[in-house]
Amino acid sequence: MRRCLAAVVALVLLATACSAPEAVRQPRLGESAFVYVKNTDVITDWDPGTSYSTEIIALQNVYETLTLWNPVTKKSVPRLATEWRSSADGRTWTFTLREDVTFHTGRPMDATAVKEAIERTIATKSGAYYIWDAVSSIRVEDTYTITFALRYPAPLDVVAASAYAAYIYDTKAAPDLPGWFAAGRDAGTGPYTVDSWKKGAEEELTLKAYDGYWGGWDRPHYRTVKYRVLPGQEQAWRLLLRGEVSFLSRPDPRLFARATIRPGLRTSERPSFQTAMLLFNTADGPMSDLRVRRAVQKAVDYRGAIQALRGGVMPHSGVVPEGLLGHVPGRTPRQDLEGAAELLRKAGYGPGGRPLRLTLTYTEGDTDQRVLVNRLRRDLLRLNVTLRARALPWPDQWERGKKRGQDIIFMYWWPDYPDGYSWFGNVFHSADPPVFNLAYLNDPTTDALLDSLPELTVTDRATAQQAFVRATRRVLDQQAAAAMPWVLNYRRAYLGSVQGYVDNPAYPDTVFVYDLRPSG
């Protein structure tokens, strides 16, 4: 009996060995480039003063900010500034700059250049320029010292670490600076500079090492960074297994599970600050009826989608994710189809009423969004509502959204800097023309409440939190401007030869490539 059992065990082990996946090919150290795959276009705006979208994944390797937010200490750490101090009332901030730094144009980076860059960004009145709203004046003290005077207290060391609008760049790079940037040129101080850019191509962007980088190149580094656009995850996965791609930022649950057990791959997983939002058109069409908006809120299959995505996302409560000031616990939404049907009936739609047709756009290539959209389409159909959903590349979806081109837009949001105000000030504060307030909410009561938040977050955080609670109730309950289905759980799959990767939720989907260590 033992002999027969041993034979069976041997056969099982042999079968297992024969079926074990091959180790993933690792590039040789001398030929190594870091290759990042995105499911939509990388660059929507090359101008560091106005950039406000997906190009963050590249621009954070080309440009630098005065400080950097550390996800471990949850504080700002030096970047282009080596130290800083503030007055007791939080209205004066002085930064000491790093010496011997040059822009990619060759110009030295000094206090004058920093002042010019920030003042130009403020003057654009575009993108995330609002992060500098507290600044009343900027004064150059000496070559490497700069002082900011503020109108009201603000955490300028955190503001200066913002993912957007905090870049320091050479404003003297060209007479026509916007046109110069638009051609795919850069004027940063970062470790990499633009080598080539092919808009719309699969191999869209290549960066190369800037030899004059202040951090030096003595230790092993990737000297080339490539960004490829592949809408389908299967193709990206195959390229990863062949060692032709280095990093998948958001593999679907099935691929992530395979990556965790595949020899030659590493994985990373951590909660993020990135939230999914269904923004409702409060200004035009059938969704301008509050009852219809509330009905759609109730029709979303929150729990079912989260279960289907198998750990790729987490339940969301309120507007601001957990870990930031402004998070409101105890507000995780649940599906209520009976309540949705009753609201639709009162609006004249729903089962037995007039048929209702709604349009929705979501991001092409985003399999997570597609899961929820398909469930929403199915459940709304049971309520006599037809949902016409269309997947678009994010730049096209955004442009359509700014023109009020849909009833519902499905998009992600993350903070400009780690603070809850980013959601409210950008997405739910009235603005004309709309930029990211794609619910087109225009409510003076909400605006007045939101306008109090920036100063309160510094002077009285307890009162600020109470204001966030009221703002959350106003936006989600009284105005029903959005549904918040989940928070992303950042899952990464990358080559085993990539060492030193650390996920920083303040800079979503960004890999700081210079900090990595390639191995053969």
Protein backbone atom coordinates (compact mmCIF):
# COMPACT_ATOMS: atom_id res chain seq x y z
CA MET A 1 0.00 0.00 0.00
CA ARG A 2 2.80 2.40 0.87
CA ARG A 3 4.54 1.58 -2.42
CA CYS A 4 1.36 2.41 -4.39
CA LEU A 5 0.91 5.65 -2.42
CA ALA A 6 4.51 6.65 -3.08
CA ALA A 7 4.01 6.04 -6.77
CA VAL A 8 0.92 8.25 -6.82
CA VAL A 9 2.77 11.03 -4.99
CA ALA A 10 5.65 10.80 -7.44
CA LEU A 11 3.28 11.11 -10.39
CA VAL A 12 1.59 14.16 -8.83
CA LEU A 13 4.94 15.85 -8.19
CA LEU A 14 6.07 15.08 -11.74
CA ALA A 15 2.86 16.52 -13.18
CA THR A 16 3.20 19.61 -11.02
CA ALA A 17 6.79 20.13 -12.08
CA CYS A 18 5.87 19.72 -15.74
CA SER A 19 2.99 22.21 -15.48
CA ALA A 20 4.83 24.84 -13.44
CA PRO A 21 5.06 28.14 -15.37
CA GLU A 22 8.37 29.14 -16.82
CA ALA A 23 10.25 31.93 -15.11
CA VAL A 24 9.70 35.34 -16.67
CA ARG A 25 12.55 36.56 -18.86
CA GLN A 26 14.58 39.33 -17.24
CA PRO A 27 16.39 41.89 -19.42
CA ARG A 28 20.16 41.90 -19.22
CA LEU A 29 21.42 44.80 -17.16
CA GLY A 30 23.22 46.45 -20.08
CA GLU A 31 20.10 46.47 -22.29
CA SER A 32 17.69 47.42 -19.52
CA ALA A 33 15.06 50.12 -19.99
CA PHE A 34 12.13 50.64 -17.68
CA VAL A 35 8.94 50.14 -19.71
CA TYR A 36 5.62 51.32 -18.28
CA VAL A 37 2.29 50.30 -19.85
CA LYS A 38 -0.77 52.58 -19.79
CA ASN A 39 -4.25 51.79 -21.12
CA THR A 40 -4.81 55.28 -22.50
CA ASP A 41 -2.72 58.14 -23.90
CA VAL A 42 0.04 59.26 -21.54
CA ILE A 43 0.27 62.95 -22.43
CA THR A 44 -2.71 65.31 -22.53
CA ASP A 45 -0.75 68.47 -21.65
CA TRP A 46 3.02 69.01 -21.75
CA ASP A 47 2.96 72.38 -19.95
CA PRO A 48 4.07 71.86 -16.31
CA GLY A 49 2.13 74.96 -15.30
CA THR A 50 -1.23 73.69 -16.55
CA SER A 51 -0.81 69.88 -16.61
CA TYR A 52 -3.66 68.21 -14.75
CA SER A 53 -4.15 64.68 -15.97
CA THR A 54 -2.57 61.30 -16.77
CA GLU A 55 0.82 62.72 -17.78
CA ILE A 56 1.72 62.81 -14.09
CA ILE A 57 3.26 59.35 -14.53
CA ALA A 58 5.90 60.81 -16.84
CA LEU A 59 6.20 64.41 -15.66
CA GLN A 60 7.11 63.44 -12.10
CA ASN A 61 10.26 61.91 -13.59
CA VAL A 62 11.04 65.01 -15.67
CA TYR A 63 10.11 67.81 -13.26
CA GLU A 64 10.58 68.22 -9.53
CA THR A 65 8.82 70.07 -6.74
CA LEU A 66 10.23 71.84 -3.70
CA THR A 67 9.16 69.01 -1.41
CA LEU A 68 7.92 65.43 -1.74
CA TRP A 69 5.22 63.75 0.33
CA ASN A 70 6.47 60.67 2.16
CA PRO A 71 3.81 57.91 2.46
CA VAL A 72 5.51 56.35 5.50
CA THR A 73 5.95 59.44 7.69
CA LYS A 74 2.97 61.22 6.08
CA LYS A 75 5.07 64.37 6.03
CA SER A 76 6.91 66.41 3.42
CA VAL A 77 10.57 65.63 2.80
CA PRO A 78 13.25 67.54 0.86
CA ARG A 79 13.36 67.57 -2.92
CA LEU A 80 14.49 70.81 -4.55
CA ALA A 81 14.26 72.49 -1.14
CA THR A 82 16.58 71.14 1.54
CA GLU A 83 14.83 72.74 4.52
CA TRP A 84 12.00 75.13 5.39
CA ARG A 85 10.40 76.92 8.29
CA SER A 86 7.15 78.73 8.96
CA SER A 87 6.10 81.53 11.25
CA ALA A 88 4.04 80.74 14.34
CA ASP A 89 0.83 81.88 12.63
CA GLY A 90 1.49 79.77 9.51
CA ARG A 91 1.40 82.79 7.18
CA THR A 92 5.10 83.09 6.32
CA TRP A 93 7.17 80.25 4.87
CA THR A 94 10.86 80.31 3.99
CA PHE A 95 12.52 77.60 1.88
CA THR A 96 16.24 76.97 1.44
CA LEU A 97 16.97 75.57 -2.02
CA ARG A 98 19.34 72.87 -3.13
CA GLU A 99 22.48 74.29 -4.76
CA ASP A 100 24.16 73.22 -8.02
CA VAL A 101 20.90 72.22 -9.72
CA THR A 102 20.38 72.99 -13.40
CA PHE A 103 17.36 72.83 -15.66
CA HIS A 104 17.55 70.60 -18.72
CA THR A 105 17.95 73.82 -20.68
CA GLY A 106 21.27 74.46 -18.87
CA ARG A 107 20.02 77.39 -16.79
CA PRO A 108 20.81 77.23 -13.04
CA MET A 109 17.87 76.62 -10.72
CA ASP A 110 17.82 79.33 -8.07
CA ALA A 111 15.34 81.33 -6.01
CA THR A 112 14.56 83.69 -8.90
CA ALA A 113 13.76 80.76 -11.19
CA VAL A 114 11.52 79.20 -8.53
CA LYS A 115 9.64 82.48 -8.06
CA GLU A 116 9.16 82.85 -11.82
CA ALA A 117 7.87 79.30 -12.23
CA ILE A 118 5.32 79.50 -9.44
CA GLU A 119 4.14 82.98 -10.45
CA ARG A 120 3.66 81.80 -14.05
CA THR A 121 1.67 78.76 -12.88
CA ILE A 122 -0.57 81.01 -10.79
CA ALA A 123 -1.04 83.38 -13.73
CA THR A 124 -2.24 80.59 -16.04
CA LYS A 125 -5.41 80.23 -13.93
CA SER A 126 -5.56 76.71 -15.26
CA GLY A 127 -5.15 73.18 -13.97
CA ALA A 128 -4.41 72.99 -10.25
CA TYR A 129 -3.12 76.58 -9.94
CA TYR A 130 -5.55 77.01 -7.03
CA ILE A 131 -3.09 75.21 -4.71
CA TRP A 132 -1.20 78.53 -4.45
CA ASP A 133 -4.35 80.53 -3.63
CA ALA A 134 -3.09 81.45 -0.16
CA VAL A 135 0.06 83.08 -1.56
CA SER A 136 -0.02 86.88 -1.59
CA SER A 137 3.63 87.46 -2.53
CA ILE A 138 6.92 85.66 -3.14
CA ARG A 139 10.22 87.28 -2.14
CA VAL A 140 13.75 86.27 -3.14
CA GLU A 141 15.95 86.59 -0.06
CA ASP A 142 19.19 85.50 -1.71
CA THR A 143 20.33 83.11 -4.44
CA TYR A 144 19.02 80.01 -2.67
CA THR A 145 16.43 81.35 -0.21
CA ILE A 146 12.83 82.23 -1.00
CA THR A 147 9.98 83.42 1.23
CA PHE A 148 6.22 83.13 0.70
CA ALA A 149 3.79 85.52 2.40
CA LEU A 150 0.29 84.06 2.72
CA ARG A 151 -3.14 85.66 2.95
CA TYR A 152 -4.25 82.95 5.35
CA PRO A 153 -2.51 80.03 7.07
CA ALA A 154 -1.79 77.08 4.79
CA PRO A 155 0.45 73.97 4.96
CA LEU A 156 2.80 75.24 2.27
CA ASP A 157 5.28 72.42 2.76
CA VAL A 158 2.53 69.98 1.74
CA VAL A 159 1.23 72.27 -1.02
CA ALA A 160 4.76 72.43 -2.43
CA ALA A 161 4.70 68.62 -2.76
CA SER A 162 1.54 68.67 -4.89
CA ALA A 163 1.27 66.18 -7.73
CA TYR A 164 0.21 69.06 -10.00
CA ALA A 165 0.99 72.77 -10.35
CA ALA A 166 3.98 72.62 -7.99
CA TYR A 167 6.61 71.80 -10.63
CA ILE A 168 9.64 74.07 -10.83
CA TYR A 169 10.61 74.76 -14.45
CA ASP A 170 12.59 77.15 -16.60
CA THR A 171 10.23 79.92 -17.69
CA LYS A 172 12.99 81.31 -19.95
CA ALA A 173 13.25 78.13 -22.04
CA ALA A 174 11.63 79.79 -25.08
CA PRO A 175 9.85 83.05 -26.01
CA ASP A 176 6.69 81.08 -26.85
CA LEU A 177 6.72 78.79 -23.85
CA PRO A 178 3.26 77.16 -24.34
CA GLY A 179 4.10 76.36 -27.97
CA TRP A 180 7.52 75.09 -27.00
CA PHE A 181 6.03 72.69 -24.45
CA ALA A 182 3.25 71.61 -26.81
CA ALA A 183 5.88 70.27 -29.22
CA GLY A 184 7.00 67.75 -26.61
CA ARG A 185 9.92 69.63 -25.07
CA ASP A 186 10.65 70.01 -21.38
CA ALA A 187 12.40 72.40 -19.02
CA GLY A 188 12.62 70.47 -15.79
CA THR A 189 15.33 69.60 -13.27
CA GLY A 190 14.44 65.91 -12.89
CA PRO A 191 16.58 62.85 -13.60
CA TYR A 192 15.04 62.30 -17.06
CA THR A 193 14.42 64.47 -20.08
CA VAL A 194 12.33 63.90 -23.22
CA ASP A 195 13.99 61.80 -25.88
CA SER A 196 11.04 61.25 -28.24
CA TRP A 197 7.28 61.70 -28.25
CA LYS A 198 4.89 60.22 -30.81
CA LYS A 199 1.36 61.31 -30.06
CA GLY A 200 -1.15 58.52 -30.63
CA ALA A 201 1.52 55.85 -31.14
CA GLU A 202 1.74 52.64 -29.12
CA GLU A 203 5.28 53.53 -28.05
CA GLU A 204 4.23 57.05 -27.18
CA LEU A 205 7.02 58.46 -25.05
CA THR A 206 10.68 57.77 -24.32
CA LEU A 207 12.70 59.56 -21.66
CA LYS A 208 16.46 59.49 -21.34
CA ALA A 209 18.82 60.21 -18.46
CA TYR A 210 19.74 63.84 -17.91
CA ASP A 211 23.50 63.59 -17.42
CA GLY A 212 23.65 66.79 -15.38
CA TYR A 213 21.15 65.61 -12.79
CA TRP A 214 22.07 66.80 -9.30
CA GLY A 215 21.53 63.32 -7.81
CA GLY A 216 24.24 61.79 -10.00
CA TRP A 217 24.40 58.51 -11.89
CA ASP A 218 27.14 56.65 -10.03
CA ARG A 219 24.90 53.86 -8.73
CA PRO A 220 22.90 51.52 -11.02
CA HIS A 221 19.88 53.31 -12.50
CA TYR A 222 17.58 52.92 -15.46
CA ARG A 223 18.87 55.38 -18.02
CA THR A 224 15.88 54.99 -20.33
CA VAL A 225 12.16 55.10 -19.50
CA LYS A 226 9.53 54.11 -22.06
CA TYR A 227 5.76 54.56 -21.90
CA ARG A 228 3.62 52.29 -24.08
CA VAL A 229 -0.12 52.51 -24.67
CA LEU A 230 -1.91 49.13 -24.79
CA PRO A 231 -5.70 49.24 -24.24
CA GLY A 232 -5.89 45.44 -23.80
CA GLN A 233 -4.44 43.90 -20.64
CA GLU A 234 -3.81 40.49 -22.19
CA GLN A 235 -1.26 41.90 -24.61
CA ALA A 236 0.45 43.84 -21.83
CA TRP A 237 0.59 40.65 -19.73
CA ARG A 238 2.21 38.66 -22.53
CA LEU A 239 4.83 41.38 -23.00
CA LEU A 240 5.51 41.38 -19.26
CA LEU A 241 6.13 37.62 -19.33
CA ARG A 242 8.57 38.09 -22.20
CA GLY A 243 10.44 40.79 -20.28
CA GLU A 244 9.54 43.45 -22.88
CA VAL A 245 7.45 45.39 -20.36
CA SER A 246 8.63 46.22 -16.83
CA PHE A 247 5.53 47.38 -14.98
CA LEU A 248 1.74 46.93 -15.08
CA SER A 249 0.09 49.60 -12.97
CA ARG A 250 -3.35 48.00 -12.61
CA PRO A 251 -3.63 44.37 -13.73
CA ASP A 252 -7.14 42.98 -13.36
CA PRO A 253 -7.78 40.58 -10.42
CA ARG A 254 -7.22 37.47 -12.52
CA LEU A 255 -3.86 38.64 -13.85
CA PHE A 256 -2.76 39.98 -10.47
CA ALA A 257 -3.47 36.58 -8.89
CA ARG A 258 -1.36 34.92 -11.58
CA ALA A 259 1.43 37.45 -11.05
CA THR A 260 1.65 36.69 -7.33
CA ILE A 261 2.73 33.09 -8.04
CA ARG A 262 4.68 33.59 -11.25
CA PRO A 263 8.45 33.07 -10.93
CA GLY A 264 10.34 36.18 -11.98
CA LEU A 265 7.58 38.66 -11.10
CA ARG A 266 7.06 40.89 -8.08
CA THR A 267 3.77 42.37 -6.91
CA SER A 268 2.75 45.30 -4.72
CA GLU A 269 -0.58 46.03 -3.06
CA ARG A 270 -1.72 48.95 -0.88
CA PRO A 271 -4.80 51.17 -0.34
CA SER A 272 -4.85 54.32 -2.43
CA PHE A 273 -6.29 57.82 -2.35
CA GLN A 274 -7.89 57.26 -5.77
CA THR A 275 -11.68 57.16 -5.81
CA ALA A 276 -14.12 56.14 -8.53
CA MET A 277 -16.93 58.62 -9.18
CA LEU A 278 -20.12 58.53 -11.20
CA LEU A 279 -20.81 62.23 -11.74
CA PHE A 280 -24.39 63.11 -12.64
CA ASN A 281 -25.37 65.93 -15.01
CA THR A 282 -27.19 68.21 -12.58
CA ALA A 283 -27.66 70.96 -15.19
CA ASP A 284 -29.28 69.40 -18.27
CA GLY A 285 -31.40 66.47 -19.40
CA PRO A 286 -33.24 63.89 -17.29
CA MET A 287 -30.53 63.83 -14.60
CA SER A 288 -31.28 67.47 -13.77
CA ASP A 289 -34.26 66.01 -11.85
CA LEU A 290 -33.06 65.34 -8.29
CA ARG A 291 -35.35 62.31 -8.06
CA VAL A 292 -33.69 60.68 -11.06
CA ARG A 293 -30.23 61.31 -9.63
CA ARG A 294 -31.19 59.76 -6.33
CA ALA A 295 -32.69 56.78 -8.15
CA VAL A 296 -29.46 56.14 -10.06
CA GLN A 297 -27.50 56.42 -6.80
CA LYS A 298 -29.67 53.66 -5.35
CA ALA A 299 -29.48 51.50 -8.48
CA VAL A 300 -25.69 51.12 -8.39
CA ASP A 301 -24.64 47.59 -7.38
CA TYR A 302 -21.89 48.72 -5.03
CA ARG A 303 -21.34 45.45 -3.18
CA GLY A 304 -21.67 43.23 -6.27
CA ALA A 305 -19.07 45.18 -8.24
CA ILE A 306 -16.62 45.15 -5.34
CA GLN A 307 -17.03 41.40 -4.97
CA ALA A 308 -16.58 40.89 -8.72
CA LEU A 309 -13.33 42.88 -8.68
CA ARG A 310 -11.88 40.51 -6.06
CA GLY A 311 -9.80 42.83 -3.95
CA GLY A 312 -8.91 45.31 -6.67
CA VAL A 313 -11.15 47.91 -5.04
CA MET A 314 -12.51 48.59 -1.56
CA PRO A 315 -15.82 49.96 -0.25
CA HIS A 316 -15.92 53.75 -0.09
CA SER A 317 -17.52 55.93 2.57
CA GLY A 318 -18.34 59.55 1.82
CA VAL A 319 -16.31 61.56 -0.70
CA VAL A 320 -12.77 61.62 0.73
CA PRO A 321 -10.93 58.29 1.18
CA GLU A 322 -9.76 56.99 4.53
CA GLY A 323 -6.41 58.35 5.70
CA LEU A 324 -7.08 62.00 4.78
CA LEU A 325 -8.78 64.85 6.61
CA GLY A 326 -12.34 64.97 5.32
CA HIS A 327 -13.05 61.24 5.36
CA VAL A 328 -16.52 60.50 6.78
CA PRO A 329 -16.95 56.92 8.05
CA GLY A 330 -20.25 55.08 8.24
CA ARG A 331 -21.51 56.19 4.82
CA THR A 332 -20.78 53.12 2.69
CA PRO A 333 -23.60 53.08 0.09
CA ARG A 334 -25.82 50.06 -0.65
CA GLN A 335 -28.01 49.16 -3.59
CA ASP A 336 -31.76 49.74 -3.13
CA LEU A 337 -33.68 48.88 -6.30
CA GLU A 338 -37.09 49.25 -4.65
CA GLY A 339 -36.20 52.74 -3.51
CA ALA A 340 -34.88 53.55 -6.98
CA ALA A 341 -38.12 52.34 -8.59
CA GLU A 342 -40.21 54.52 -6.24
CA LEU A 343 -38.16 57.63 -7.01
CA LEU A 344 -38.41 56.99 -10.75
CA ARG A 345 -42.16 56.51 -10.43
CA LYS A 346 -42.48 59.91 -8.77
CA ALA A 347 -40.51 61.42 -11.65
CA GLY A 348 -42.85 59.76 -14.18
CA TYR A 349 -40.47 56.98 -15.22
CA GLY A 350 -39.66 53.49 -14.01
CA PRO A 351 -41.70 50.28 -14.28
CA GLY A 352 -45.13 51.16 -15.68
CA GLY A 353 -44.04 54.72 -16.48
CA ARG A 354 -42.33 56.42 -19.39
CA PRO A 355 -39.13 54.75 -20.62
CA LEU A 356 -35.98 56.65 -19.70
CA ARG A 357 -32.74 56.72 -21.69
CA LEU A 358 -29.46 57.80 -20.13
CA THR A 359 -26.01 58.16 -21.65
CA LEU A 360 -22.78 57.33 -19.83
CA THR A 361 -19.12 57.53 -20.76
CA TYR A 362 -16.29 55.63 -19.13
CA THR A 363 -12.59 55.18 -19.78
CA GLU A 364 -11.58 52.89 -22.61
CA GLY A 365 -9.51 49.93 -21.45
CA ASP A 366 -10.57 50.22 -17.81
CA THR A 367 -11.91 46.76 -17.02
CA ASP A 368 -12.94 47.74 -13.48
CA GLN A 369 -15.20 50.51 -14.73
CA ARG A 370 -16.69 48.18 -17.34
CA VAL A 371 -17.71 45.69 -14.62
CA LEU A 372 -19.75 48.31 -12.77
CA VAL A 373 -21.19 49.79 -15.97
CA ASN A 374 -22.46 46.39 -17.14
CA ARG A 375 -24.11 45.78 -13.76
CA LEU A 376 -25.67 49.22 -13.76
CA ARG A 377 -26.99 48.71 -17.29
CA ARG A 378 -28.58 45.40 -16.26
CA ASP A 379 -30.22 46.77 -13.12
CA LEU A 380 -31.49 49.96 -14.75
CA LEU A 381 -33.10 47.89 -17.51
CA ARG A 382 -35.21 46.22 -14.83
CA LEU A 383 -36.40 49.73 -13.92
CA ASN A 384 -37.40 50.59 -17.51
CA VAL A 385 -34.24 52.66 -17.94
CA THR A 386 -31.93 52.11 -20.92
CA LEU A 387 -28.30 53.00 -20.28
CA ARG A 388 -26.25 53.74 -23.36
CA ALA A 389 -22.65 53.38 -22.26
CA ARG A 390 -19.67 54.31 -24.39
CA ALA A 391 -16.00 53.69 -23.67
CA LEU A 392 -13.71 56.52 -24.78
CA PRO A 393 -10.02 57.31 -24.43
CA TRP A 394 -9.73 59.53 -21.36
CA PRO A 395 -8.78 62.73 -23.28
CA ASP A 396 -11.87 62.33 -25.49
CA GLN A 397 -14.06 61.49 -22.49
CA TRP A 398 -12.82 64.58 -20.67
CA GLU A 399 -13.44 66.87 -23.63
CA ARG A 400 -16.93 65.48 -24.04
CA GLY A 401 -17.55 65.96 -20.32
CA LYS A 402 -16.53 69.62 -20.43
CA LYS A 403 -19.20 70.11 -23.11
CA ARG A 404 -21.92 68.40 -21.04
CA GLY A 405 -21.94 65.55 -23.54
CA GLN A 406 -23.47 62.84 -21.31
CA ASP A 407 -25.84 62.23 -18.42
CA ILE A 408 -23.25 60.35 -16.36
CA ILE A 409 -19.46 60.39 -16.54
CA PHE A 410 -17.41 57.66 -14.84
CA MET A 411 -13.99 58.91 -13.79
CA TYR A 412 -11.34 58.66 -11.10
CA TRP A 413 -10.16 61.39 -8.78
CA TRP A 414 -7.12 61.71 -6.56
CA PRO A 415 -5.86 64.68 -4.55
CA ASP A 416 -3.51 67.31 -5.93
CA TYR A 417 -1.81 67.16 -2.54
CA PRO A 418 -2.81 64.89 0.37
CA ASP A 419 -5.84 66.80 1.60
CA GLY A 420 -9.58 66.21 1.32
CA TYR A 421 -10.31 69.66 -0.10
CA SER A 422 -9.08 68.52 -3.52
CA TRP A 423 -12.32 66.58 -4.16
CA PHE A 424 -14.65 69.35 -3.12
CA GLY A 425 -12.79 72.36 -4.47
CA ASN A 426 -12.26 70.84 -7.91
CA VAL A 427 -15.15 68.47 -8.54
CA PHE A 428 -18.09 69.99 -6.66
CA HIS A 429 -17.37 73.72 -6.55
CA SER A 430 -19.17 75.69 -9.25
CA ALA A 431 -17.02 76.78 -12.18
CA ASP A 432 -17.68 78.17 -15.64
CA PRO A 433 -16.45 76.74 -17.91
CA PRO A 434 -16.28 73.33 -16.21
CA VAL A 435 -12.90 71.63 -15.88
CA PHE A 436 -13.36 68.69 -13.52
CA ASN A 437 -16.67 69.76 -11.97
CA LEU A 438 -18.35 67.45 -14.46
CA ALA A 439 -21.52 67.20 -12.39
CA TYR A 440 -21.94 70.89 -13.33
CA LEU A 441 -23.10 71.59 -9.78
CA ASN A 442 -23.86 75.29 -9.31
CA ASP A 443 -24.94 75.76 -5.72
CA PRO A 444 -23.97 78.92 -3.78
CA THR A 445 -24.66 77.21 -0.44
CA THR A 446 -22.20 74.43 -1.28
CA ASP A 447 -19.64 76.94 -2.57
CA ALA A 448 -19.76 79.02 0.62
CA LEU A 449 -19.22 75.91 2.71
CA LEU A 450 -16.32 74.75 0.59
CA ASP A 451 -14.62 78.14 0.56
CA SER A 452 -14.13 77.92 4.34
CA LEU A 453 -12.21 74.65 4.19
CA PRO A 454 -8.63 75.61 3.15
CA GLU A 455 -8.01 77.91 6.12
CA LEU A 456 -9.86 75.70 8.59
CA THR A 457 -7.68 72.71 7.73
CA VAL A 458 -4.72 74.64 9.17
CA THR A 459 -6.28 76.72 11.96
CA ASP A 460 -8.94 74.36 13.35
CA ARG A 461 -8.89 70.80 12.06
CA ALA A 462 -11.80 69.69 14.25
CA THR A 463 -14.04 72.40 12.80
CA ALA A 464 -12.70 71.59 9.34
CA GLN A 465 -13.75 67.97 9.78
CA GLN A 466 -17.25 69.08 10.76
CA ALA A 467 -17.36 71.22 7.61
CA PHE A 468 -16.28 68.22 5.54
CA VAL A 469 -19.15 66.21 7.05
CA ARG A 470 -21.65 68.93 6.09
CA ALA A 471 -20.15 69.22 2.60
CA THR A 472 -20.36 65.45 2.12
CA ARG A 473 -24.01 65.44 3.17
CA ARG A 474 -24.75 68.40 0.91
CA VAL A 475 -23.14 66.89 -2.20
CA LEU A 476 -24.22 63.26 -1.85
CA ASP A 477 -27.58 63.56 -0.09
CA GLN A 478 -29.13 66.97 -0.66
CA GLN A 479 -27.78 67.50 -4.19
CA ALA A 480 -27.21 63.83 -5.15
CA ALA A 481 -24.54 65.01 -7.56
CA ALA A 482 -22.59 61.74 -7.64
CA ALA A 483 -22.27 58.11 -6.63
CA MET A 484 -18.98 56.97 -5.11
CA PRO A 485 -18.68 53.22 -5.77
CA TRP A 486 -15.19 52.43 -4.51
CA VAL A 487 -11.62 53.34 -3.61
CA LEU A 488 -8.91 51.70 -5.68
CA ASN A 489 -6.62 49.21 -4.04
CA TYR A 490 -3.34 49.77 -5.86
CA ARG A 491 -2.08 46.48 -7.25
CA ARG A 492 1.10 46.37 -9.33
CA ALA A 493 2.87 43.59 -11.18
CA TYR A 494 6.46 44.08 -12.34
CA LEU A 495 9.63 42.27 -13.29
CA GLY A 496 11.70 40.66 -10.56
CA SER A 497 14.73 42.56 -11.82
CA VAL A 498 13.07 45.84 -10.73
CA GLN A 499 14.22 46.55 -7.18
CA GLY A 500 13.25 49.29 -4.73
CA TYR A 501 9.72 50.07 -5.90
CA VAL A 502 7.57 51.88 -3.30
CA ASP A 503 3.99 52.92 -4.00
CA ASN A 504 3.20 56.52 -3.06
CA PRO A 505 -0.58 57.19 -3.05
CA ALA A 506 -0.02 60.95 -3.25
CA TYR A 507 1.28 60.47 -6.81
CA PRO A 508 -1.18 57.99 -8.35
CA ASP A 509 0.21 55.33 -10.69
CA THR A 510 3.58 57.14 -10.71
CA VAL A 511 6.83 55.21 -10.64
CA PHE A 512 9.80 57.33 -9.56
CA VAL A 513 12.15 55.45 -11.85
CA TYR A 514 15.38 57.06 -10.67
CA ASP A 515 14.85 55.49 -7.23
CA LEU A 516 14.72 51.96 -8.66
CA ARG A 517 17.68 49.60 -8.93
CA PRO A 518 17.82 47.44 -12.05
CA SER A 519 19.40 44.00 -11.84
CA GLY A 520 20.11 41.42 -14.53
